[in-house]
Amino acid sequence: MAETAASPTSEKNLAAQNLAVRTSPARQLAEAFASGSLAGTVELAEVPFLTLVGLRAQAGSETAQRLASVTGGLPAQCGGTVTNGDTTVLWLGPGEFLVVAPTEAHESLGGDLIQALQSALADGQGQVVDLSANRTTFELTGPRARAVLEKGCSLDLHPRVLKAGTAYSTEVANIPVILWKTGEESFRIFPRASFAEFLGRWLLDAMREYASPEVP
């Protein structure tokens, strides 16, 4: 008996069901993030379920070139990022990268990014690993975002030093994270899932003096 191909509608329904049963690492803090944020000053939110893929490939190798053809490029230096459409690759170390893509790029929701990267890797020396469940993403925005991070991050966050579009592995509140400055007043912070609640509560406490309506 011939197999019946799944219809686009059934695939979308399955993807919606897969997303509906997920629980993000900081879901329990969603209301606290909303009430602890002050528009125009500093705001904190979780961006759950982004597609995260770890890549390893020797710089300049054929494997790296094939992977770069899928992502639109690989950053060549510390702090570097390469953005292609809605996908960005962050430099983590010599020959090590993190691909950050939208939720729907994940194969569980019908996306083909991970499969495309695995096909590009083929039998070359390197690695493609789905890290989507390994970390969550916090987005900290507003004129006071840098001041909040400076309470617990040893990086020099001054805009003369940390330019928009750069990312580094560092620590915030003694928690290992990847810190990506996405704009002049916006940051994305990638903690491991097991540290999400601790770091989320720390950020809320650090932003309290700026987010209070009583503070001008």
N, C-alpha and C. Protein backbone atom coordinates (compact mmCIF):
# COMPACT_ATOMS: atom_id res chain seq x y z
N MET A 1 0.84 -1.20 0.00
CA MET A 1 0.00 0.00 0.00
C MET A 1 0.88 1.25 0.00
N ALA A 2 0.56 2.18 -0.88
CA ALA A 2 1.37 3.40 -0.97
C ALA A 2 1.17 4.26 0.25
N GLU A 3 2.25 4.91 0.69
CA GLU A 3 2.17 5.79 1.83
C GLU A 3 1.49 7.10 1.45
N THR A 4 0.72 7.64 2.35
CA THR A 4 0.05 8.91 2.12
C THR A 4 0.88 10.04 2.70
N ALA A 5 1.22 10.99 1.85
CA ALA A 5 2.04 12.12 2.31
C ALA A 5 1.23 13.00 3.25
N ALA A 6 1.88 13.49 4.28
CA ALA A 6 1.21 14.38 5.23
C ALA A 6 0.89 15.71 4.55
N SER A 7 -0.27 16.22 4.79
CA SER A 7 -0.67 17.49 4.20
C SER A 7 -0.03 18.63 4.97
N PRO A 8 0.16 19.79 4.30
CA PRO A 8 0.72 20.96 5.01
C PRO A 8 -0.10 21.34 6.23
N THR A 9 -1.43 21.17 6.14
CA THR A 9 -2.29 21.52 7.28
C THR A 9 -2.02 20.62 8.48
N SER A 10 -1.89 19.30 8.23
CA SER A 10 -1.62 18.37 9.32
C SER A 10 -0.25 18.61 9.94
N GLU A 11 0.72 18.98 9.11
CA GLU A 11 2.06 19.28 9.62
C GLU A 11 2.02 20.53 10.51
N LYS A 12 1.24 21.53 10.11
CA LYS A 12 1.12 22.75 10.92
C LYS A 12 0.43 22.45 12.24
N ASN A 13 -0.60 21.59 12.18
CA ASN A 13 -1.30 21.22 13.41
C ASN A 13 -0.38 20.48 14.38
N LEU A 14 0.45 19.57 13.83
CA LEU A 14 1.39 18.84 14.67
C LEU A 14 2.42 19.79 15.27
N ALA A 15 2.89 20.74 14.47
CA ALA A 15 3.86 21.72 14.97
C ALA A 15 3.25 22.55 16.10
N ALA A 16 1.99 22.96 15.93
CA ALA A 16 1.32 23.74 16.97
C ALA A 16 1.16 22.94 18.25
N GLN A 17 0.86 21.64 18.12
CA GLN A 17 0.73 20.78 19.29
C GLN A 17 2.07 20.62 20.00
N ASN A 18 3.13 20.46 19.22
CA ASN A 18 4.47 20.33 19.81
C ASN A 18 4.85 21.57 20.59
N LEU A 19 4.52 22.74 20.04
CA LEU A 19 4.87 23.99 20.72
C LEU A 19 4.02 24.20 21.96
N ALA A 20 2.74 23.76 21.89
CA ALA A 20 1.82 24.00 23.00
C ALA A 20 2.20 23.24 24.26
N VAL A 21 2.85 22.10 24.12
CA VAL A 21 3.18 21.29 25.30
C VAL A 21 4.53 21.67 25.90
N ARG A 22 5.24 22.57 25.28
CA ARG A 22 6.54 22.96 25.81
C ARG A 22 6.39 23.91 27.00
N THR A 23 7.31 23.83 27.93
CA THR A 23 7.37 24.76 29.05
C THR A 23 8.76 25.38 29.07
N SER A 24 8.84 26.68 28.96
CA SER A 24 10.14 27.34 28.91
C SER A 24 10.79 27.37 30.29
N PRO A 25 12.11 27.42 30.37
CA PRO A 25 12.81 27.38 31.66
C PRO A 25 12.44 28.50 32.63
N ALA A 26 11.99 29.66 32.12
CA ALA A 26 11.65 30.79 32.99
C ALA A 26 10.17 31.16 32.90
N ARG A 27 9.36 30.21 32.51
CA ARG A 27 7.94 30.50 32.35
C ARG A 27 7.31 31.02 33.65
N GLN A 28 7.77 30.49 34.79
CA GLN A 28 7.18 30.88 36.07
C GLN A 28 7.49 32.33 36.43
N LEU A 29 8.40 32.96 35.69
CA LEU A 29 8.76 34.36 35.98
C LEU A 29 8.11 35.34 35.02
N ALA A 30 7.27 34.86 34.12
CA ALA A 30 6.71 35.73 33.07
C ALA A 30 5.98 36.94 33.67
N GLU A 31 5.15 36.72 34.68
CA GLU A 31 4.41 37.83 35.28
C GLU A 31 5.35 38.78 36.01
N ALA A 32 6.36 38.22 36.67
CA ALA A 32 7.33 39.07 37.38
C ALA A 32 8.13 39.91 36.40
N PHE A 33 8.49 39.34 35.24
CA PHE A 33 9.20 40.11 34.22
C PHE A 33 8.33 41.27 33.73
N ALA A 34 7.05 41.00 33.52
CA ALA A 34 6.16 42.04 33.02
C ALA A 34 5.96 43.15 34.05
N SER A 35 5.72 42.77 35.30
CA SER A 35 5.46 43.77 36.34
C SER A 35 6.74 44.48 36.76
N GLY A 36 7.89 43.84 36.60
CA GLY A 36 9.15 44.45 37.00
C GLY A 36 9.80 45.30 35.93
N SER A 37 9.18 45.36 34.74
CA SER A 37 9.71 46.16 33.64
C SER A 37 9.01 47.51 33.59
N LEU A 38 9.73 48.51 33.10
CA LEU A 38 9.17 49.84 32.92
C LEU A 38 9.51 50.32 31.52
N ALA A 39 8.48 50.45 30.68
CA ALA A 39 8.69 50.85 29.29
C ALA A 39 9.45 52.17 29.22
N GLY A 40 10.43 52.21 28.34
CA GLY A 40 11.22 53.41 28.17
C GLY A 40 12.39 53.52 29.12
N THR A 41 12.49 52.58 30.07
CA THR A 41 13.60 52.62 31.04
C THR A 41 14.39 51.31 30.98
N VAL A 42 13.77 50.22 31.38
CA VAL A 42 14.40 48.91 31.27
C VAL A 42 13.30 47.85 31.27
N GLU A 43 13.41 46.90 30.35
CA GLU A 43 12.42 45.84 30.22
C GLU A 43 13.13 44.50 30.09
N LEU A 44 12.51 43.48 30.69
CA LEU A 44 13.08 42.13 30.67
C LEU A 44 12.01 41.15 30.22
N ALA A 45 12.37 40.25 29.33
CA ALA A 45 11.43 39.22 28.86
C ALA A 45 12.22 37.99 28.46
N GLU A 46 11.56 36.84 28.56
CA GLU A 46 12.14 35.61 28.04
C GLU A 46 11.70 35.46 26.59
N VAL A 47 12.64 35.07 25.74
CA VAL A 47 12.33 34.73 24.34
C VAL A 47 12.51 33.22 24.24
N PRO A 48 11.44 32.46 24.47
CA PRO A 48 11.60 31.01 24.61
C PRO A 48 11.70 30.28 23.27
N PHE A 49 12.32 29.13 23.34
CA PHE A 49 12.29 28.15 22.26
C PHE A 49 12.97 28.59 20.97
N LEU A 50 13.95 29.49 21.05
CA LEU A 50 14.71 29.78 19.85
C LEU A 50 15.45 28.51 19.42
N THR A 51 15.69 28.38 18.14
CA THR A 51 16.47 27.25 17.62
C THR A 51 17.95 27.58 17.78
N LEU A 52 18.66 26.78 18.56
CA LEU A 52 20.08 26.99 18.83
C LEU A 52 20.85 25.77 18.36
N VAL A 53 21.87 25.99 17.54
CA VAL A 53 22.65 24.89 16.99
C VAL A 53 24.13 25.16 17.21
N GLY A 54 24.82 24.24 17.86
CA GLY A 54 26.25 24.37 18.05
C GLY A 54 27.01 23.79 16.87
N LEU A 55 27.98 24.55 16.37
CA LEU A 55 28.80 24.12 15.25
C LEU A 55 30.26 24.08 15.66
N ARG A 56 30.97 23.08 15.15
CA ARG A 56 32.43 23.03 15.28
C ARG A 56 33.01 22.68 13.92
N ALA A 57 33.95 23.48 13.48
CA ALA A 57 34.63 23.22 12.22
C ALA A 57 35.88 24.07 12.16
N GLN A 58 36.94 23.51 11.65
CA GLN A 58 38.20 24.25 11.55
C GLN A 58 38.05 25.41 10.57
N ALA A 59 38.48 26.57 11.00
CA ALA A 59 38.36 27.76 10.15
C ALA A 59 39.04 27.54 8.81
N GLY A 60 38.35 27.91 7.75
CA GLY A 60 38.90 27.81 6.41
C GLY A 60 38.81 26.43 5.78
N SER A 61 38.35 25.46 6.52
CA SER A 61 38.25 24.10 5.99
C SER A 61 37.06 23.98 5.05
N GLU A 62 37.05 22.91 4.27
CA GLU A 62 35.91 22.68 3.38
C GLU A 62 34.62 22.49 4.19
N THR A 63 34.75 21.83 5.34
CA THR A 63 33.59 21.65 6.20
C THR A 63 33.02 22.99 6.62
N ALA A 64 33.88 23.91 7.06
CA ALA A 64 33.44 25.24 7.48
C ALA A 64 32.77 25.99 6.33
N GLN A 65 33.31 25.83 5.15
CA GLN A 65 32.73 26.50 3.99
C GLN A 65 31.35 25.96 3.66
N ARG A 66 31.17 24.65 3.79
CA ARG A 66 29.86 24.06 3.52
C ARG A 66 28.83 24.53 4.57
N LEU A 67 29.25 24.56 5.84
CA LEU A 67 28.35 25.04 6.88
C LEU A 67 28.00 26.51 6.66
N ALA A 68 29.00 27.30 6.27
CA ALA A 68 28.78 28.73 6.02
C ALA A 68 27.80 28.95 4.87
N SER A 69 27.77 28.02 3.91
CA SER A 69 26.84 28.16 2.79
C SER A 69 25.39 28.02 3.25
N VAL A 70 25.18 27.33 4.37
CA VAL A 70 23.83 27.16 4.90
C VAL A 70 23.44 28.37 5.75
N THR A 71 24.37 28.85 6.57
CA THR A 71 24.05 29.94 7.51
C THR A 71 24.22 31.33 6.91
N GLY A 72 24.92 31.41 5.77
CA GLY A 72 25.20 32.72 5.19
C GLY A 72 26.55 33.27 5.62
N GLY A 73 27.34 32.44 6.30
CA GLY A 73 28.67 32.85 6.73
C GLY A 73 28.95 32.45 8.16
N LEU A 74 30.24 32.43 8.52
CA LEU A 74 30.69 32.17 9.89
C LEU A 74 31.59 33.30 10.32
N PRO A 75 31.41 33.83 11.54
CA PRO A 75 32.27 34.92 12.01
C PRO A 75 33.71 34.45 12.12
N ALA A 76 34.64 35.38 11.91
CA ALA A 76 36.05 35.01 11.82
C ALA A 76 36.86 35.43 13.03
N GLN A 77 36.27 36.13 13.99
CA GLN A 77 37.06 36.60 15.12
C GLN A 77 36.23 36.67 16.38
N CYS A 78 36.94 36.79 17.51
CA CYS A 78 36.29 36.85 18.82
C CYS A 78 35.28 37.99 18.87
N GLY A 79 34.09 37.67 19.34
CA GLY A 79 33.04 38.68 19.43
C GLY A 79 32.24 38.86 18.17
N GLY A 80 32.67 38.21 17.09
CA GLY A 80 32.03 38.42 15.80
C GLY A 80 30.69 37.71 15.68
N THR A 81 29.84 38.28 14.87
CA THR A 81 28.55 37.66 14.53
C THR A 81 28.32 37.85 13.03
N VAL A 82 27.57 36.93 12.46
CA VAL A 82 27.18 37.05 11.05
C VAL A 82 25.67 36.81 10.98
N THR A 83 24.95 37.78 10.45
CA THR A 83 23.51 37.69 10.34
C THR A 83 23.09 37.54 8.89
N ASN A 84 22.21 36.58 8.65
CA ASN A 84 21.66 36.36 7.33
C ASN A 84 20.16 36.18 7.47
N GLY A 85 19.40 37.21 7.14
CA GLY A 85 17.96 37.14 7.34
C GLY A 85 17.64 37.11 8.82
N ASP A 86 16.91 36.07 9.25
CA ASP A 86 16.54 35.95 10.66
C ASP A 86 17.43 34.98 11.42
N THR A 87 18.57 34.62 10.83
CA THR A 87 19.51 33.69 11.47
C THR A 87 20.85 34.38 11.71
N THR A 88 21.40 34.21 12.92
CA THR A 88 22.68 34.82 13.27
C THR A 88 23.61 33.74 13.83
N VAL A 89 24.88 33.81 13.43
CA VAL A 89 25.90 32.89 13.96
C VAL A 89 26.82 33.69 14.87
N LEU A 90 27.00 33.21 16.10
CA LEU A 90 27.86 33.86 17.09
C LEU A 90 29.17 33.10 17.20
N TRP A 91 30.27 33.83 17.30
CA TRP A 91 31.60 33.23 17.49
C TRP A 91 31.77 32.89 18.97
N LEU A 92 32.06 31.63 19.29
CA LEU A 92 32.28 31.22 20.67
C LEU A 92 33.74 30.90 20.97
N GLY A 93 34.48 30.55 19.96
CA GLY A 93 35.89 30.18 20.13
C GLY A 93 36.44 29.76 18.79
N PRO A 94 37.75 29.51 18.70
CA PRO A 94 38.34 29.07 17.43
C PRO A 94 37.65 27.81 16.92
N GLY A 95 36.94 27.94 15.82
CA GLY A 95 36.26 26.80 15.24
C GLY A 95 34.98 26.40 15.95
N GLU A 96 34.44 27.27 16.83
CA GLU A 96 33.22 26.95 17.56
C GLU A 96 32.23 28.10 17.42
N PHE A 97 30.97 27.76 17.10
CA PHE A 97 29.96 28.78 16.81
C PHE A 97 28.61 28.36 17.37
N LEU A 98 27.73 29.36 17.56
CA LEU A 98 26.34 29.10 17.95
C LEU A 98 25.43 29.75 16.93
N VAL A 99 24.58 28.94 16.33
CA VAL A 99 23.59 29.44 15.38
C VAL A 99 22.31 29.76 16.15
N VAL A 100 21.80 30.97 15.99
CA VAL A 100 20.57 31.40 16.64
C VAL A 100 19.54 31.68 15.55
N ALA A 101 18.45 30.92 15.58
CA ALA A 101 17.42 31.03 14.54
C ALA A 101 16.04 31.05 15.18
N PRO A 102 15.02 31.42 14.44
CA PRO A 102 13.67 31.47 14.99
C PRO A 102 13.17 30.10 15.44
N THR A 103 12.17 30.11 16.28
CA THR A 103 11.58 28.88 16.80
C THR A 103 11.18 27.93 15.69
N GLU A 104 10.54 28.46 14.65
CA GLU A 104 9.99 27.61 13.60
C GLU A 104 11.06 26.96 12.73
N ALA A 105 12.33 27.33 12.93
CA ALA A 105 13.39 26.68 12.16
C ALA A 105 13.71 25.28 12.69
N HIS A 106 13.19 24.95 13.90
CA HIS A 106 13.49 23.65 14.50
C HIS A 106 12.71 22.55 13.80
N GLU A 107 13.33 21.39 13.69
CA GLU A 107 12.72 20.28 12.96
C GLU A 107 11.42 19.80 13.60
N SER A 108 11.28 19.97 14.92
CA SER A 108 10.06 19.53 15.59
C SER A 108 8.85 20.37 15.18
N LEU A 109 9.13 21.53 14.58
CA LEU A 109 8.06 22.41 14.11
C LEU A 109 8.03 22.50 12.60
N GLY A 110 8.72 21.57 11.96
CA GLY A 110 8.72 21.52 10.50
C GLY A 110 9.87 22.24 9.83
N GLY A 111 10.78 22.79 10.60
CA GLY A 111 11.93 23.48 10.01
C GLY A 111 12.98 22.50 9.52
N ASP A 112 13.89 22.99 8.69
CA ASP A 112 14.91 22.11 8.12
C ASP A 112 16.34 22.61 8.33
N LEU A 113 16.51 23.60 9.24
CA LEU A 113 17.84 24.18 9.43
C LEU A 113 18.84 23.13 9.93
N ILE A 114 18.46 22.38 10.96
CA ILE A 114 19.39 21.42 11.55
C ILE A 114 19.74 20.33 10.54
N GLN A 115 18.74 19.85 9.81
CA GLN A 115 18.99 18.83 8.80
C GLN A 115 19.91 19.36 7.71
N ALA A 116 19.71 20.62 7.31
CA ALA A 116 20.55 21.21 6.28
C ALA A 116 22.00 21.32 6.76
N LEU A 117 22.18 21.68 8.03
CA LEU A 117 23.54 21.78 8.58
C LEU A 117 24.18 20.39 8.69
N GLN A 118 23.41 19.40 9.10
CA GLN A 118 23.95 18.04 9.19
C GLN A 118 24.32 17.51 7.82
N SER A 119 23.54 17.84 6.82
CA SER A 119 23.86 17.42 5.45
C SER A 119 25.13 18.11 4.97
N ALA A 120 25.28 19.40 5.34
CA ALA A 120 26.48 20.14 4.93
C ALA A 120 27.72 19.59 5.63
N LEU A 121 27.55 19.14 6.87
CA LEU A 121 28.68 18.54 7.60
C LEU A 121 29.12 17.26 6.93
N ALA A 122 28.15 16.46 6.48
CA ALA A 122 28.43 15.18 5.82
C ALA A 122 29.39 14.37 6.67
N ASP A 123 30.46 13.87 6.06
CA ASP A 123 31.44 13.09 6.81
C ASP A 123 32.70 13.90 7.10
N GLY A 124 32.57 15.24 7.03
CA GLY A 124 33.72 16.09 7.31
C GLY A 124 34.02 16.17 8.79
N GLN A 125 35.20 16.66 9.13
CA GLN A 125 35.58 16.80 10.53
C GLN A 125 34.89 18.03 11.11
N GLY A 126 34.05 17.80 12.10
CA GLY A 126 33.31 18.89 12.71
C GLY A 126 32.14 18.34 13.49
N GLN A 127 31.22 19.22 13.83
CA GLN A 127 30.11 18.82 14.68
C GLN A 127 28.93 19.75 14.46
N VAL A 128 27.74 19.17 14.44
CA VAL A 128 26.48 19.91 14.42
C VAL A 128 25.61 19.33 15.53
N VAL A 129 25.28 20.16 16.54
CA VAL A 129 24.54 19.66 17.70
C VAL A 129 23.35 20.58 17.97
N ASP A 130 22.18 19.98 18.12
CA ASP A 130 20.98 20.72 18.49
C ASP A 130 21.06 21.09 19.97
N LEU A 131 21.18 22.39 20.26
CA LEU A 131 21.29 22.88 21.64
C LEU A 131 20.06 23.68 22.07
N SER A 132 18.98 23.54 21.35
CA SER A 132 17.80 24.36 21.60
C SER A 132 17.26 24.20 23.01
N ALA A 133 17.33 22.99 23.55
CA ALA A 133 16.82 22.76 24.91
C ALA A 133 17.88 23.02 25.97
N ASN A 134 19.09 23.33 25.54
CA ASN A 134 20.19 23.52 26.48
C ASN A 134 20.16 24.89 27.15
N ARG A 135 19.65 25.88 26.43
CA ARG A 135 19.64 27.25 26.94
C ARG A 135 18.28 27.89 26.70
N THR A 136 18.02 28.98 27.43
CA THR A 136 16.92 29.85 27.08
C THR A 136 17.50 31.22 26.77
N THR A 137 16.64 32.16 26.43
CA THR A 137 17.09 33.48 26.01
C THR A 137 16.35 34.55 26.80
N PHE A 138 17.09 35.46 27.42
CA PHE A 138 16.51 36.63 28.04
C PHE A 138 16.82 37.84 27.16
N GLU A 139 15.84 38.72 27.03
CA GLU A 139 16.05 39.95 26.28
C GLU A 139 15.91 41.13 27.25
N LEU A 140 16.98 41.89 27.38
CA LEU A 140 17.02 43.05 28.28
C LEU A 140 17.19 44.29 27.42
N THR A 141 16.23 45.21 27.52
CA THR A 141 16.24 46.38 26.65
C THR A 141 15.99 47.65 27.43
N GLY A 142 16.35 48.77 26.81
CA GLY A 142 16.08 50.08 27.41
C GLY A 142 17.35 50.82 27.77
N PRO A 143 17.24 52.12 28.04
CA PRO A 143 18.40 52.95 28.36
C PRO A 143 19.18 52.48 29.59
N ARG A 144 18.51 51.77 30.51
CA ARG A 144 19.17 51.31 31.74
C ARG A 144 19.65 49.86 31.64
N ALA A 145 19.50 49.24 30.49
CA ALA A 145 19.88 47.83 30.36
C ALA A 145 21.37 47.62 30.67
N ARG A 146 22.20 48.49 30.14
CA ARG A 146 23.64 48.34 30.39
C ARG A 146 23.96 48.49 31.87
N ALA A 147 23.32 49.45 32.54
CA ALA A 147 23.57 49.67 33.96
C ALA A 147 23.19 48.44 34.78
N VAL A 148 22.11 47.77 34.39
CA VAL A 148 21.70 46.55 35.09
C VAL A 148 22.77 45.48 34.94
N LEU A 149 23.25 45.26 33.72
CA LEU A 149 24.25 44.22 33.48
C LEU A 149 25.58 44.54 34.17
N GLU A 150 25.91 45.83 34.27
CA GLU A 150 27.18 46.22 34.87
C GLU A 150 27.25 45.86 36.35
N LYS A 151 26.12 45.57 36.96
CA LYS A 151 26.13 45.17 38.37
C LYS A 151 26.70 43.76 38.56
N GLY A 152 26.74 42.97 37.47
CA GLY A 152 27.20 41.60 37.66
C GLY A 152 27.97 41.02 36.51
N CYS A 153 28.48 41.87 35.61
CA CYS A 153 29.25 41.39 34.45
C CYS A 153 30.57 42.11 34.40
N SER A 154 31.65 41.35 34.25
CA SER A 154 32.99 41.94 34.28
C SER A 154 33.42 42.51 32.93
N LEU A 155 32.67 42.25 31.87
CA LEU A 155 33.00 42.83 30.58
C LEU A 155 32.86 44.35 30.62
N ASP A 156 33.67 45.04 29.83
CA ASP A 156 33.48 46.48 29.65
C ASP A 156 32.32 46.65 28.68
N LEU A 157 31.18 47.10 29.19
CA LEU A 157 29.97 47.20 28.39
C LEU A 157 29.76 48.58 27.77
N HIS A 158 30.72 49.47 27.96
CA HIS A 158 30.57 50.80 27.38
C HIS A 158 30.47 50.68 25.86
N PRO A 159 29.58 51.44 25.22
CA PRO A 159 29.39 51.32 23.77
C PRO A 159 30.63 51.61 22.94
N ARG A 160 31.61 52.32 23.52
CA ARG A 160 32.86 52.52 22.79
C ARG A 160 33.62 51.21 22.65
N VAL A 161 33.36 50.29 23.58
CA VAL A 161 34.08 49.01 23.60
C VAL A 161 33.21 47.88 23.07
N LEU A 162 32.02 47.76 23.62
CA LEU A 162 31.10 46.70 23.20
C LEU A 162 30.12 47.27 22.17
N LYS A 163 30.37 46.95 20.93
CA LYS A 163 29.56 47.47 19.84
C LYS A 163 28.32 46.61 19.63
N ALA A 164 27.27 47.22 19.12
CA ALA A 164 26.09 46.45 18.73
C ALA A 164 26.48 45.44 17.66
N GLY A 165 25.97 44.22 17.81
CA GLY A 165 26.30 43.17 16.85
C GLY A 165 27.47 42.31 17.27
N THR A 166 27.91 42.43 18.52
CA THR A 166 28.99 41.58 19.02
C THR A 166 28.46 40.69 20.14
N ALA A 167 29.14 39.56 20.34
CA ALA A 167 28.70 38.58 21.35
C ALA A 167 29.91 37.93 21.98
N TYR A 168 29.83 37.67 23.30
CA TYR A 168 30.93 37.06 24.03
C TYR A 168 30.42 36.05 25.04
N SER A 169 31.22 35.05 25.31
CA SER A 169 30.97 34.16 26.44
C SER A 169 31.51 34.86 27.68
N THR A 170 30.69 34.99 28.71
CA THR A 170 31.09 35.72 29.90
C THR A 170 30.29 35.18 31.09
N GLU A 171 30.22 35.96 32.15
CA GLU A 171 29.39 35.61 33.30
C GLU A 171 28.54 36.82 33.69
N VAL A 172 27.32 36.56 34.09
CA VAL A 172 26.45 37.56 34.69
C VAL A 172 25.97 36.98 36.01
N ALA A 173 26.25 37.69 37.10
CA ALA A 173 25.91 37.20 38.44
C ALA A 173 26.56 35.84 38.70
N ASN A 174 27.78 35.68 38.22
CA ASN A 174 28.55 34.44 38.38
C ASN A 174 27.94 33.25 37.64
N ILE A 175 27.01 33.51 36.72
CA ILE A 175 26.39 32.47 35.91
C ILE A 175 27.00 32.53 34.51
N PRO A 176 27.55 31.43 34.00
CA PRO A 176 28.09 31.44 32.63
C PRO A 176 26.98 31.69 31.61
N VAL A 177 27.19 32.66 30.75
CA VAL A 177 26.20 33.00 29.73
C VAL A 177 26.91 33.39 28.44
N ILE A 178 26.14 33.45 27.39
CA ILE A 178 26.57 34.12 26.17
C ILE A 178 25.81 35.44 26.12
N LEU A 179 26.54 36.54 25.97
CA LEU A 179 25.94 37.87 25.97
C LEU A 179 26.07 38.46 24.56
N TRP A 180 24.95 38.76 23.96
CA TRP A 180 24.91 39.29 22.59
C TRP A 180 24.27 40.67 22.63
N LYS A 181 25.03 41.68 22.23
CA LYS A 181 24.48 43.02 22.16
C LYS A 181 23.81 43.17 20.80
N THR A 182 22.49 43.18 20.80
CA THR A 182 21.75 43.18 19.54
C THR A 182 21.44 44.59 19.02
N GLY A 183 21.56 45.58 19.89
CA GLY A 183 21.31 46.97 19.49
C GLY A 183 21.95 47.90 20.47
N GLU A 184 21.81 49.19 20.25
CA GLU A 184 22.46 50.16 21.14
C GLU A 184 21.93 50.06 22.57
N GLU A 185 20.67 49.67 22.74
CA GLU A 185 20.09 49.55 24.08
C GLU A 185 19.41 48.20 24.28
N SER A 186 19.92 47.18 23.61
CA SER A 186 19.28 45.86 23.73
C SER A 186 20.33 44.76 23.78
N PHE A 187 20.05 43.77 24.65
CA PHE A 187 20.95 42.64 24.83
C PHE A 187 20.14 41.35 24.85
N ARG A 188 20.74 40.30 24.34
CA ARG A 188 20.19 38.95 24.53
C ARG A 188 21.19 38.16 25.37
N ILE A 189 20.66 37.48 26.37
CA ILE A 189 21.47 36.74 27.33
C ILE A 189 21.05 35.28 27.25
N PHE A 190 22.03 34.38 27.06
CA PHE A 190 21.74 32.96 26.90
C PHE A 190 22.31 32.17 28.08
N PRO A 191 21.53 31.96 29.14
CA PRO A 191 21.99 31.09 30.22
C PRO A 191 21.57 29.65 29.95
N ARG A 192 22.25 28.71 30.58
CA ARG A 192 21.78 27.33 30.51
C ARG A 192 20.43 27.24 31.22
N ALA A 193 19.62 26.31 30.77
CA ALA A 193 18.25 26.21 31.28
C ALA A 193 18.21 26.04 32.79
N SER A 194 19.17 25.30 33.34
CA SER A 194 19.17 25.05 34.79
C SER A 194 19.46 26.30 35.61
N PHE A 195 20.04 27.33 34.99
CA PHE A 195 20.34 28.58 35.70
C PHE A 195 19.33 29.68 35.39
N ALA A 196 18.32 29.38 34.59
CA ALA A 196 17.42 30.42 34.09
C ALA A 196 16.68 31.13 35.22
N GLU A 197 16.12 30.38 36.15
CA GLU A 197 15.33 31.02 37.21
C GLU A 197 16.22 31.89 38.10
N PHE A 198 17.38 31.38 38.47
CA PHE A 198 18.28 32.17 39.33
C PHE A 198 18.66 33.47 38.64
N LEU A 199 19.09 33.37 37.38
CA LEU A 199 19.53 34.57 36.68
C LEU A 199 18.36 35.52 36.44
N GLY A 200 17.19 34.98 36.13
CA GLY A 200 16.02 35.82 35.93
C GLY A 200 15.69 36.63 37.17
N ARG A 201 15.73 35.98 38.33
CA ARG A 201 15.44 36.69 39.58
C ARG A 201 16.54 37.70 39.90
N TRP A 202 17.78 37.37 39.58
CA TRP A 202 18.87 38.32 39.82
C TRP A 202 18.68 39.57 38.96
N LEU A 203 18.33 39.37 37.70
CA LEU A 203 18.12 40.51 36.81
C LEU A 203 16.96 41.38 37.29
N LEU A 204 15.90 40.75 37.76
CA LEU A 204 14.77 41.52 38.30
C LEU A 204 15.21 42.38 39.48
N ASP A 205 16.02 41.79 40.36
CA ASP A 205 16.49 42.54 41.52
C ASP A 205 17.42 43.68 41.09
N ALA A 206 18.29 43.40 40.11
CA ALA A 206 19.25 44.41 39.66
C ALA A 206 18.57 45.57 38.95
N MET A 207 17.42 45.33 38.33
CA MET A 207 16.74 46.40 37.61
C MET A 207 15.69 47.12 38.46
N ARG A 208 15.51 46.66 39.70
CA ARG A 208 14.44 47.20 40.54
C ARG A 208 14.56 48.71 40.72
N GLU A 209 15.76 49.22 40.97
CA GLU A 209 15.90 50.65 41.24
C GLU A 209 15.58 51.50 40.01
N TYR A 210 15.74 50.92 38.81
CA TYR A 210 15.46 51.66 37.58
C TYR A 210 14.02 51.47 37.11
N ALA A 211 13.45 50.31 37.41
CA ALA A 211 12.10 50.01 36.92
C ALA A 211 11.01 50.54 37.83
N SER A 212 11.37 51.00 39.02
CA SER A 212 10.35 51.52 39.94
C SER A 212 9.79 52.83 39.41
N PRO A 213 8.46 52.97 39.37
CA PRO A 213 7.85 54.24 38.92
C PRO A 213 8.24 55.42 39.78
N GLU A 214 8.76 55.16 40.99
CA GLU A 214 9.11 56.25 41.88
C GLU A 214 10.46 56.87 41.52
N VAL A 215 11.23 56.20 40.66
CA VAL A 215 12.54 56.70 40.28
C VAL A 215 12.41 57.49 38.99
N PRO A 216 12.88 58.72 38.95
CA PRO A 216 12.75 59.54 37.72
C PRO A 216 13.63 58.99 36.63
